Amino acid sequence: MNAKYGLVAGFLVLLSAPALGEVYRHVDAQGNVTFSDEPIEGGETVDVKPVTTVTLPKPQTVRETDKLREEVKREGSVYESVSFVQPQNEQAFHSGSGDVRFEVTSTPGLQAGHKYEVTLDGQPVAQTSSGSVVVNNIFRGTHEARAHIVDENGVQVKTGSPITFTVHRPSVNN
């Protein structure tokens, strides 16, 4: 059990190493590993990488960002709906290449500078201002897609209901 505490203590020393200076590692005859900030006979110097630090934004910046989001929501409220024309919900189809054509529409139509964005399984895969886009090489199986409207800054201002569809593709195993 003492070896576990020594190992944990060693890792803690490693994490705080940049503040302490050099770190030394020593393994005794029983295989116990010891870390220290002082040289140990028979030990070796451990090369410690710098610790990554994250600087949080100031509360004022966060409040300003929240205000901007509220303005975007009000601006986006001009759209009553955004939805897929194609594929239809619960549709299943064969696609040897895995290419799927998405057609998106909204009421009213897109404002200048806005685009339709298609997400597949939660990840953005395409943007278009024409309402029609082909996504290539979609894996076989069932997927969830969503249509969004994004403004000129890439901020989503309207999101449609999700649809699911299934792609059947040939396999060399079948």
N, C-alpha and C. Protein backbone atom coordinates (compact mmCIF):
# COMPACT_ATOMS: atom_id res chain seq x y z
N MET A 1 0.82 -1.19 0.00
CA MET A 1 0.00 0.00 0.00
C MET A 1 0.87 1.26 0.00
N ASN A 2 2.05 1.22 0.69
CA ASN A 2 2.94 2.38 0.73
C ASN A 2 3.45 2.74 -0.66
N ALA A 3 3.61 1.73 -1.52
CA ALA A 3 4.08 1.99 -2.87
C ALA A 3 3.06 2.83 -3.64
N LYS A 4 1.76 2.56 -3.43
CA LYS A 4 0.72 3.33 -4.10
C LYS A 4 0.76 4.79 -3.66
N TYR A 5 0.92 5.00 -2.33
CA TYR A 5 0.99 6.38 -1.85
C TYR A 5 2.22 7.09 -2.40
N GLY A 6 3.31 6.36 -2.50
CA GLY A 6 4.54 6.93 -3.05
C GLY A 6 4.35 7.31 -4.51
N LEU A 7 3.64 6.44 -5.25
CA LEU A 7 3.40 6.71 -6.66
C LEU A 7 2.50 7.93 -6.83
N VAL A 8 1.45 8.01 -6.01
CA VAL A 8 0.55 9.16 -6.06
C VAL A 8 1.31 10.43 -5.71
N ALA A 9 2.11 10.37 -4.67
CA ALA A 9 2.90 11.54 -4.27
C ALA A 9 3.86 11.94 -5.39
N GLY A 10 4.41 10.93 -6.05
CA GLY A 10 5.33 11.20 -7.16
C GLY A 10 4.63 11.93 -8.29
N PHE A 11 3.41 11.50 -8.63
CA PHE A 11 2.66 12.17 -9.69
C PHE A 11 2.31 13.60 -9.29
N LEU A 12 1.97 13.81 -8.03
CA LEU A 12 1.67 15.16 -7.57
C LEU A 12 2.90 16.06 -7.70
N VAL A 13 4.04 15.50 -7.39
CA VAL A 13 5.28 16.26 -7.53
C VAL A 13 5.51 16.59 -9.01
N LEU A 14 5.25 15.61 -9.89
CA LEU A 14 5.42 15.84 -11.32
C LEU A 14 4.51 16.96 -11.81
N LEU A 15 3.27 16.99 -11.32
CA LEU A 15 2.33 18.01 -11.76
C LEU A 15 2.75 19.40 -11.32
N SER A 16 3.38 19.49 -10.19
CA SER A 16 3.78 20.81 -9.70
C SER A 16 5.24 21.12 -10.00
N ALA A 17 5.88 20.28 -10.80
CA ALA A 17 7.30 20.41 -11.06
C ALA A 17 7.74 21.76 -11.62
N PRO A 18 7.01 22.36 -12.56
CA PRO A 18 7.50 23.62 -13.10
C PRO A 18 7.68 24.69 -12.02
N ALA A 19 6.90 24.62 -10.98
CA ALA A 19 7.03 25.60 -9.91
C ALA A 19 8.20 25.26 -9.00
N LEU A 20 8.58 23.98 -8.93
CA LEU A 20 9.60 23.55 -7.99
C LEU A 20 11.00 23.47 -8.61
N GLY A 21 11.11 23.31 -9.88
CA GLY A 21 12.41 23.15 -10.52
C GLY A 21 12.54 21.74 -11.06
N GLU A 22 13.71 21.12 -10.90
CA GLU A 22 13.95 19.79 -11.43
C GLU A 22 13.30 18.72 -10.56
N VAL A 23 12.97 17.59 -11.21
CA VAL A 23 12.39 16.44 -10.51
C VAL A 23 13.30 15.24 -10.76
N TYR A 24 13.49 14.45 -9.71
CA TYR A 24 14.37 13.28 -9.79
C TYR A 24 13.55 12.03 -9.48
N ARG A 25 13.89 10.93 -10.19
CA ARG A 25 13.20 9.66 -10.03
C ARG A 25 14.23 8.61 -9.63
N HIS A 26 13.84 7.77 -8.66
CA HIS A 26 14.73 6.73 -8.19
C HIS A 26 13.93 5.45 -7.98
N VAL A 27 14.47 4.31 -8.41
CA VAL A 27 13.84 3.01 -8.20
C VAL A 27 14.76 2.22 -7.28
N ASP A 28 14.24 1.76 -6.10
CA ASP A 28 15.09 1.01 -5.17
C ASP A 28 15.11 -0.47 -5.53
N ALA A 29 15.81 -1.28 -4.75
CA ALA A 29 16.00 -2.71 -5.03
C ALA A 29 14.68 -3.47 -5.05
N GLN A 30 13.67 -3.00 -4.31
CA GLN A 30 12.37 -3.68 -4.29
C GLN A 30 11.42 -3.18 -5.40
N GLY A 31 11.88 -2.28 -6.21
CA GLY A 31 11.07 -1.77 -7.31
C GLY A 31 10.20 -0.59 -6.95
N ASN A 32 10.35 -0.05 -5.74
CA ASN A 32 9.59 1.12 -5.33
C ASN A 32 10.14 2.36 -6.03
N VAL A 33 9.23 3.15 -6.58
CA VAL A 33 9.62 4.37 -7.29
C VAL A 33 9.45 5.55 -6.36
N THR A 34 10.49 6.40 -6.30
CA THR A 34 10.45 7.60 -5.47
C THR A 34 10.76 8.80 -6.34
N PHE A 35 9.98 9.87 -6.16
CA PHE A 35 10.22 11.13 -6.85
C PHE A 35 10.63 12.16 -5.81
N SER A 36 11.53 13.05 -6.20
CA SER A 36 11.99 14.07 -5.26
C SER A 36 12.43 15.30 -6.02
N ASP A 37 12.48 16.43 -5.28
CA ASP A 37 13.01 17.64 -5.90
C ASP A 37 14.49 17.81 -5.57
N GLU A 38 15.05 16.82 -4.84
CA GLU A 38 16.47 16.82 -4.52
C GLU A 38 17.12 15.61 -5.18
N PRO A 39 18.34 15.76 -5.69
CA PRO A 39 19.00 14.63 -6.35
C PRO A 39 19.12 13.42 -5.41
N ILE A 40 18.88 12.23 -5.96
CA ILE A 40 18.98 10.97 -5.21
C ILE A 40 20.08 10.16 -5.87
N GLU A 41 20.96 9.57 -5.06
CA GLU A 41 22.05 8.77 -5.60
C GLU A 41 21.45 7.61 -6.40
N GLY A 42 21.89 7.44 -7.63
CA GLY A 42 21.38 6.38 -8.50
C GLY A 42 20.08 6.77 -9.21
N GLY A 43 19.60 7.98 -8.96
CA GLY A 43 18.36 8.45 -9.58
C GLY A 43 18.62 9.11 -10.91
N GLU A 44 17.55 9.45 -11.59
CA GLU A 44 17.65 10.11 -12.88
C GLU A 44 16.77 11.36 -12.89
N THR A 45 17.15 12.31 -13.71
CA THR A 45 16.37 13.54 -13.84
C THR A 45 15.17 13.25 -14.74
N VAL A 46 14.00 13.72 -14.31
CA VAL A 46 12.77 13.53 -15.09
C VAL A 46 12.52 14.81 -15.88
N ASP A 47 12.28 14.63 -17.19
CA ASP A 47 11.97 15.77 -18.04
C ASP A 47 10.47 16.04 -17.92
N VAL A 48 10.11 17.15 -17.29
CA VAL A 48 8.71 17.48 -17.05
C VAL A 48 8.26 18.53 -18.05
N LYS A 49 7.15 18.23 -18.73
CA LYS A 49 6.60 19.18 -19.69
C LYS A 49 5.84 20.27 -18.95
N PRO A 50 5.78 21.46 -19.51
CA PRO A 50 5.06 22.56 -18.86
C PRO A 50 3.58 22.22 -18.69
N VAL A 51 2.99 22.73 -17.64
CA VAL A 51 1.58 22.52 -17.36
C VAL A 51 0.77 23.49 -18.21
N THR A 52 -0.31 22.97 -18.81
CA THR A 52 -1.20 23.81 -19.59
C THR A 52 -2.08 24.61 -18.65
N THR A 53 -2.17 25.89 -18.89
CA THR A 53 -3.03 26.73 -18.07
C THR A 53 -4.15 27.30 -18.94
N VAL A 54 -5.28 27.53 -18.32
CA VAL A 54 -6.43 28.09 -19.02
C VAL A 54 -6.81 29.38 -18.32
N THR A 55 -6.94 30.43 -19.10
CA THR A 55 -7.36 31.71 -18.55
C THR A 55 -8.84 31.88 -18.84
N LEU A 56 -9.64 31.99 -17.80
CA LEU A 56 -11.08 32.15 -17.97
C LEU A 56 -11.40 33.59 -18.38
N PRO A 57 -12.47 33.75 -19.18
CA PRO A 57 -12.83 35.11 -19.57
C PRO A 57 -13.35 35.89 -18.37
N LYS A 58 -13.21 37.19 -18.44
CA LYS A 58 -13.71 38.06 -17.38
C LYS A 58 -15.23 38.02 -17.39
N PRO A 59 -15.87 38.14 -16.22
CA PRO A 59 -17.34 38.10 -16.16
C PRO A 59 -18.00 39.11 -17.10
N GLN A 60 -17.38 40.28 -17.29
CA GLN A 60 -17.95 41.29 -18.17
C GLN A 60 -18.02 40.77 -19.60
N THR A 61 -16.97 40.06 -20.04
CA THR A 61 -16.94 39.50 -21.39
C THR A 61 -18.04 38.46 -21.56
N VAL A 62 -18.25 37.64 -20.53
CA VAL A 62 -19.29 36.61 -20.59
C VAL A 62 -20.66 37.28 -20.69
N ARG A 63 -20.89 38.33 -19.91
CA ARG A 63 -22.18 39.05 -19.97
C ARG A 63 -22.40 39.66 -21.35
N GLU A 64 -21.35 40.23 -21.95
CA GLU A 64 -21.48 40.81 -23.29
C GLU A 64 -21.81 39.74 -24.32
N THR A 65 -21.19 38.56 -24.18
CA THR A 65 -21.47 37.45 -25.09
C THR A 65 -22.92 36.99 -24.94
N ASP A 66 -23.41 36.93 -23.70
CA ASP A 66 -24.80 36.54 -23.46
C ASP A 66 -25.76 37.54 -24.10
N LYS A 67 -25.44 38.85 -24.00
CA LYS A 67 -26.28 39.88 -24.63
C LYS A 67 -26.32 39.68 -26.14
N LEU A 68 -25.15 39.39 -26.75
CA LEU A 68 -25.08 39.16 -28.19
C LEU A 68 -25.94 37.97 -28.59
N ARG A 69 -25.89 36.90 -27.79
CA ARG A 69 -26.72 35.72 -28.10
C ARG A 69 -28.20 36.06 -28.04
N GLU A 70 -28.60 36.87 -27.07
CA GLU A 70 -30.00 37.27 -26.96
C GLU A 70 -30.42 38.09 -28.18
N GLU A 71 -29.53 38.99 -28.65
CA GLU A 71 -29.83 39.77 -29.85
C GLU A 71 -29.98 38.86 -31.06
N VAL A 72 -29.11 37.84 -31.16
CA VAL A 72 -29.18 36.90 -32.27
C VAL A 72 -30.49 36.13 -32.22
N LYS A 73 -30.92 35.72 -31.02
CA LYS A 73 -32.19 34.99 -30.90
C LYS A 73 -33.36 35.86 -31.36
N ARG A 74 -33.35 37.13 -30.98
CA ARG A 74 -34.42 38.03 -31.40
C ARG A 74 -34.38 38.20 -32.92
N GLU A 75 -33.16 38.34 -33.46
CA GLU A 75 -33.01 38.51 -34.91
C GLU A 75 -33.49 37.25 -35.63
N GLY A 76 -33.18 36.07 -35.08
CA GLY A 76 -33.54 34.81 -35.70
C GLY A 76 -35.01 34.48 -35.60
N SER A 77 -35.74 35.21 -34.78
CA SER A 77 -37.14 34.89 -34.58
C SER A 77 -37.99 35.21 -35.81
N VAL A 78 -37.40 35.85 -36.84
CA VAL A 78 -38.16 36.12 -38.06
C VAL A 78 -38.46 34.82 -38.81
N TYR A 79 -37.72 33.75 -38.51
CA TYR A 79 -37.96 32.47 -39.17
C TYR A 79 -39.01 31.69 -38.39
N GLU A 80 -40.05 31.30 -39.09
CA GLU A 80 -41.09 30.47 -38.46
C GLU A 80 -40.65 29.02 -38.38
N SER A 81 -39.98 28.55 -39.45
CA SER A 81 -39.58 27.14 -39.47
C SER A 81 -38.41 26.92 -40.41
N VAL A 82 -37.72 25.82 -40.17
CA VAL A 82 -36.69 25.30 -41.07
C VAL A 82 -36.81 23.78 -41.01
N SER A 83 -36.81 23.14 -42.19
CA SER A 83 -37.03 21.69 -42.21
C SER A 83 -36.43 21.07 -43.46
N PHE A 84 -36.35 19.74 -43.45
CA PHE A 84 -35.86 18.99 -44.60
C PHE A 84 -37.02 18.68 -45.54
N VAL A 85 -36.78 18.85 -46.84
CA VAL A 85 -37.70 18.36 -47.86
C VAL A 85 -37.27 16.94 -48.20
N GLN A 86 -35.95 16.74 -48.20
CA GLN A 86 -35.37 15.45 -48.53
C GLN A 86 -34.11 15.27 -47.72
N PRO A 87 -33.79 14.13 -47.17
CA PRO A 87 -34.61 12.93 -47.08
C PRO A 87 -35.76 13.13 -46.10
N GLN A 88 -36.74 12.28 -46.20
CA GLN A 88 -37.88 12.35 -45.30
C GLN A 88 -37.56 11.59 -44.02
N ASN A 89 -38.27 11.93 -42.96
CA ASN A 89 -38.07 11.27 -41.68
C ASN A 89 -38.35 9.77 -41.81
N GLU A 90 -37.50 8.96 -41.22
CA GLU A 90 -37.61 7.49 -41.22
C GLU A 90 -37.40 6.87 -42.59
N GLN A 91 -36.86 7.62 -43.54
CA GLN A 91 -36.62 7.08 -44.88
C GLN A 91 -35.41 6.15 -44.84
N ALA A 92 -35.47 5.08 -45.63
CA ALA A 92 -34.34 4.17 -45.80
C ALA A 92 -34.07 4.05 -47.29
N PHE A 93 -32.81 4.09 -47.67
CA PHE A 93 -32.49 3.99 -49.09
C PHE A 93 -31.11 3.39 -49.28
N HIS A 94 -30.89 2.90 -50.51
CA HIS A 94 -29.60 2.31 -50.88
C HIS A 94 -28.74 3.40 -51.51
N SER A 95 -27.48 3.43 -51.10
CA SER A 95 -26.53 4.37 -51.69
C SER A 95 -25.17 3.70 -51.67
N GLY A 96 -24.77 3.19 -52.82
CA GLY A 96 -23.49 2.49 -52.90
C GLY A 96 -22.31 3.35 -52.50
N SER A 97 -22.36 4.63 -52.82
CA SER A 97 -21.26 5.53 -52.51
C SER A 97 -21.43 6.19 -51.14
N GLY A 98 -22.63 6.09 -50.58
CA GLY A 98 -22.90 6.74 -49.30
C GLY A 98 -23.23 8.22 -49.45
N ASP A 99 -23.45 8.67 -50.71
CA ASP A 99 -23.80 10.07 -50.94
C ASP A 99 -25.29 10.28 -50.67
N VAL A 100 -25.60 11.34 -49.92
CA VAL A 100 -26.99 11.66 -49.60
C VAL A 100 -27.24 13.13 -49.94
N ARG A 101 -28.32 13.38 -50.69
CA ARG A 101 -28.71 14.75 -51.04
C ARG A 101 -29.69 15.25 -49.98
N PHE A 102 -29.36 16.40 -49.41
CA PHE A 102 -30.24 17.06 -48.44
C PHE A 102 -30.83 18.29 -49.11
N GLU A 103 -32.14 18.45 -48.97
CA GLU A 103 -32.82 19.65 -49.44
C GLU A 103 -33.52 20.26 -48.25
N VAL A 104 -33.23 21.56 -48.02
CA VAL A 104 -33.72 22.27 -46.84
C VAL A 104 -34.56 23.45 -47.29
N THR A 105 -35.59 23.75 -46.53
CA THR A 105 -36.44 24.91 -46.82
C THR A 105 -36.78 25.62 -45.52
N SER A 106 -37.15 26.89 -45.62
CA SER A 106 -37.55 27.64 -44.43
C SER A 106 -38.68 28.59 -44.78
N THR A 107 -39.37 28.98 -43.74
CA THR A 107 -40.43 29.98 -43.87
C THR A 107 -40.12 31.11 -42.93
N PRO A 108 -39.94 32.33 -43.41
CA PRO A 108 -39.73 32.72 -44.81
C PRO A 108 -38.37 32.22 -45.30
N GLY A 109 -38.05 32.52 -46.56
CA GLY A 109 -36.76 32.13 -47.14
C GLY A 109 -35.60 32.80 -46.42
N LEU A 110 -34.41 32.39 -46.79
CA LEU A 110 -33.20 32.92 -46.13
C LEU A 110 -33.04 34.42 -46.31
N GLN A 111 -32.58 35.07 -45.25
CA GLN A 111 -32.20 36.48 -45.33
C GLN A 111 -30.80 36.56 -45.93
N ALA A 112 -30.44 37.71 -46.42
CA ALA A 112 -29.10 37.92 -46.99
C ALA A 112 -28.04 37.62 -45.93
N GLY A 113 -27.02 36.87 -46.33
CA GLY A 113 -25.92 36.54 -45.42
C GLY A 113 -26.16 35.28 -44.58
N HIS A 114 -27.39 34.76 -44.58
CA HIS A 114 -27.69 33.55 -43.81
C HIS A 114 -27.54 32.32 -44.69
N LYS A 115 -27.30 31.18 -44.05
CA LYS A 115 -27.14 29.91 -44.76
C LYS A 115 -27.86 28.80 -44.02
N TYR A 116 -28.18 27.75 -44.75
CA TYR A 116 -28.66 26.53 -44.13
C TYR A 116 -27.45 25.71 -43.73
N GLU A 117 -27.52 25.10 -42.56
CA GLU A 117 -26.45 24.21 -42.10
C GLU A 117 -27.08 22.86 -41.80
N VAL A 118 -26.43 21.80 -42.27
CA VAL A 118 -26.89 20.44 -42.01
C VAL A 118 -25.93 19.81 -41.01
N THR A 119 -26.51 19.23 -39.95
CA THR A 119 -25.69 18.47 -39.00
C THR A 119 -26.11 17.02 -39.09
N LEU A 120 -25.13 16.15 -38.99
CA LEU A 120 -25.35 14.72 -39.07
C LEU A 120 -24.80 14.09 -37.80
N ASP A 121 -25.65 13.45 -37.04
CA ASP A 121 -25.26 12.84 -35.77
C ASP A 121 -24.58 13.86 -34.86
N GLY A 122 -25.10 15.09 -34.87
CA GLY A 122 -24.61 16.14 -33.99
C GLY A 122 -23.41 16.93 -34.51
N GLN A 123 -22.88 16.57 -35.67
CA GLN A 123 -21.70 17.25 -36.22
C GLN A 123 -22.06 18.00 -37.50
N PRO A 124 -21.63 19.27 -37.64
CA PRO A 124 -21.90 20.00 -38.88
C PRO A 124 -21.18 19.33 -40.06
N VAL A 125 -21.92 19.14 -41.16
CA VAL A 125 -21.32 18.49 -42.32
C VAL A 125 -21.39 19.34 -43.58
N ALA A 126 -22.28 20.35 -43.62
CA ALA A 126 -22.39 21.15 -44.83
C ALA A 126 -23.17 22.43 -44.56
N GLN A 127 -22.87 23.45 -45.37
CA GLN A 127 -23.64 24.69 -45.37
C GLN A 127 -23.95 25.05 -46.81
N THR A 128 -25.11 25.65 -47.02
CA THR A 128 -25.52 26.04 -48.36
C THR A 128 -26.49 27.21 -48.28
N SER A 129 -26.44 28.06 -49.27
CA SER A 129 -27.44 29.13 -49.35
C SER A 129 -28.51 28.78 -50.36
N SER A 130 -28.29 27.71 -51.14
CA SER A 130 -29.26 27.31 -52.16
C SER A 130 -30.35 26.39 -51.61
N GLY A 131 -30.08 25.75 -50.48
CA GLY A 131 -31.06 24.82 -49.91
C GLY A 131 -30.83 23.38 -50.32
N SER A 132 -29.85 23.13 -51.18
CA SER A 132 -29.56 21.78 -51.63
C SER A 132 -28.07 21.50 -51.48
N VAL A 133 -27.75 20.36 -50.89
CA VAL A 133 -26.34 20.00 -50.70
C VAL A 133 -26.22 18.47 -50.66
N VAL A 134 -25.11 17.95 -51.19
CA VAL A 134 -24.84 16.52 -51.15
C VAL A 134 -23.72 16.28 -50.15
N VAL A 135 -23.95 15.35 -49.22
CA VAL A 135 -22.93 14.95 -48.26
C VAL A 135 -22.42 13.58 -48.73
N ASN A 136 -21.12 13.48 -48.89
CA ASN A 136 -20.51 12.27 -49.45
C ASN A 136 -20.10 11.27 -48.39
N ASN A 137 -20.12 10.00 -48.76
CA ASN A 137 -19.54 8.89 -48.00
C ASN A 137 -20.10 8.76 -46.58
N ILE A 138 -21.42 8.81 -46.45
CA ILE A 138 -22.06 8.60 -45.15
C ILE A 138 -22.05 7.10 -44.89
N PHE A 139 -21.61 6.72 -43.70
CA PHE A 139 -21.54 5.30 -43.35
C PHE A 139 -22.92 4.66 -43.32
N ARG A 140 -22.96 3.35 -43.55
CA ARG A 140 -24.23 2.63 -43.48
C ARG A 140 -24.78 2.72 -42.07
N GLY A 141 -26.08 2.61 -41.97
CA GLY A 141 -26.73 2.64 -40.67
C GLY A 141 -27.72 3.77 -40.55
N THR A 142 -28.26 3.93 -39.35
CA THR A 142 -29.27 4.95 -39.09
C THR A 142 -28.59 6.19 -38.53
N HIS A 143 -28.99 7.35 -39.04
CA HIS A 143 -28.39 8.62 -38.66
C HIS A 143 -29.47 9.63 -38.30
N GLU A 144 -29.08 10.62 -37.48
CA GLU A 144 -29.98 11.73 -37.16
C GLU A 144 -29.43 12.98 -37.83
N ALA A 145 -30.31 13.71 -38.51
CA ALA A 145 -29.92 14.95 -39.19
C ALA A 145 -30.79 16.09 -38.67
N ARG A 146 -30.19 17.27 -38.65
CA ARG A 146 -30.91 18.49 -38.28
C ARG A 146 -30.57 19.58 -39.28
N ALA A 147 -31.56 20.43 -39.52
CA ALA A 147 -31.35 21.60 -40.37
C ALA A 147 -31.35 22.83 -39.46
N HIS A 148 -30.39 23.71 -39.71
CA HIS A 148 -30.26 24.95 -38.94
C HIS A 148 -30.15 26.10 -39.93
N ILE A 149 -30.44 27.29 -39.42
CA ILE A 149 -30.12 28.51 -40.17
C ILE A 149 -29.05 29.22 -39.36
N VAL A 150 -27.96 29.58 -40.03
CA VAL A 150 -26.87 30.29 -39.37
C VAL A 150 -26.72 31.66 -40.00
N ASP A 151 -26.33 32.63 -39.16
CA ASP A 151 -26.14 33.98 -39.68
C ASP A 151 -24.73 34.14 -40.24
N GLU A 152 -24.40 35.37 -40.64
CA GLU A 152 -23.09 35.63 -41.26
C GLU A 152 -21.92 35.38 -40.31
N ASN A 153 -22.19 35.30 -38.99
CA ASN A 153 -21.14 34.99 -38.01
C ASN A 153 -21.06 33.50 -37.68
N GLY A 154 -21.91 32.70 -38.32
CA GLY A 154 -21.92 31.26 -38.05
C GLY A 154 -22.73 30.87 -36.83
N VAL A 155 -23.51 31.83 -36.29
CA VAL A 155 -24.33 31.56 -35.11
C VAL A 155 -25.68 31.01 -35.56
N GLN A 156 -26.10 29.89 -34.95
CA GLN A 156 -27.39 29.30 -35.30
C GLN A 156 -28.52 30.19 -34.79
N VAL A 157 -29.41 30.59 -35.70
CA VAL A 157 -30.53 31.45 -35.32
C VAL A 157 -31.86 30.70 -35.35
N LYS A 158 -31.90 29.54 -35.99
CA LYS A 158 -33.12 28.73 -36.01
C LYS A 158 -32.71 27.28 -36.24
N THR A 159 -33.36 26.37 -35.50
CA THR A 159 -33.08 24.94 -35.62
C THR A 159 -34.38 24.21 -35.85
N GLY A 160 -34.35 23.29 -36.81
CA GLY A 160 -35.53 22.49 -37.11
C GLY A 160 -35.56 21.21 -36.30
N SER A 161 -36.66 20.50 -36.42
CA SER A 161 -36.81 19.21 -35.75
C SER A 161 -35.89 18.19 -36.40
N PRO A 162 -35.38 17.23 -35.62
CA PRO A 162 -34.49 16.23 -36.20
C PRO A 162 -35.26 15.20 -37.02
N ILE A 163 -34.56 14.63 -37.99
CA ILE A 163 -35.09 13.50 -38.73
C ILE A 163 -34.10 12.35 -38.60
N THR A 164 -34.58 11.14 -38.80
CA THR A 164 -33.68 9.98 -38.87
C THR A 164 -33.85 9.33 -40.23
N PHE A 165 -32.77 8.78 -40.73
CA PHE A 165 -32.80 8.06 -42.00
C PHE A 165 -31.77 6.96 -41.93
N THR A 166 -31.95 5.96 -42.78
CA THR A 166 -31.05 4.80 -42.79
C THR A 166 -30.44 4.65 -44.17
N VAL A 167 -29.13 4.48 -44.19
CA VAL A 167 -28.39 4.27 -45.44
C VAL A 167 -27.98 2.80 -45.51
N HIS A 168 -28.36 2.16 -46.62
CA HIS A 168 -27.93 0.78 -46.88
C HIS A 168 -26.82 0.87 -47.92
N ARG A 169 -25.67 0.26 -47.61
CA ARG A 169 -24.55 0.25 -48.55
C ARG A 169 -24.06 -1.18 -48.70
N PRO A 170 -23.61 -1.54 -49.89
CA PRO A 170 -23.06 -2.89 -50.06
C PRO A 170 -21.78 -3.07 -49.25
N SER A 171 -21.52 -4.30 -48.86
CA SER A 171 -20.32 -4.59 -48.09
C SER A 171 -19.58 -5.74 -48.74
N VAL A 172 -18.26 -5.76 -48.65
CA VAL A 172 -17.47 -6.87 -49.18
C VAL A 172 -17.68 -8.11 -48.33
N ASN A 173 -18.20 -7.96 -47.12
CA ASN A 173 -18.45 -9.10 -46.23
C ASN A 173 -19.76 -9.81 -46.54
N ASN A 174 -20.64 -9.18 -47.34
CA ASN A 174 -21.96 -9.79 -47.64
C ASN A 174 -21.93 -10.54 -48.93
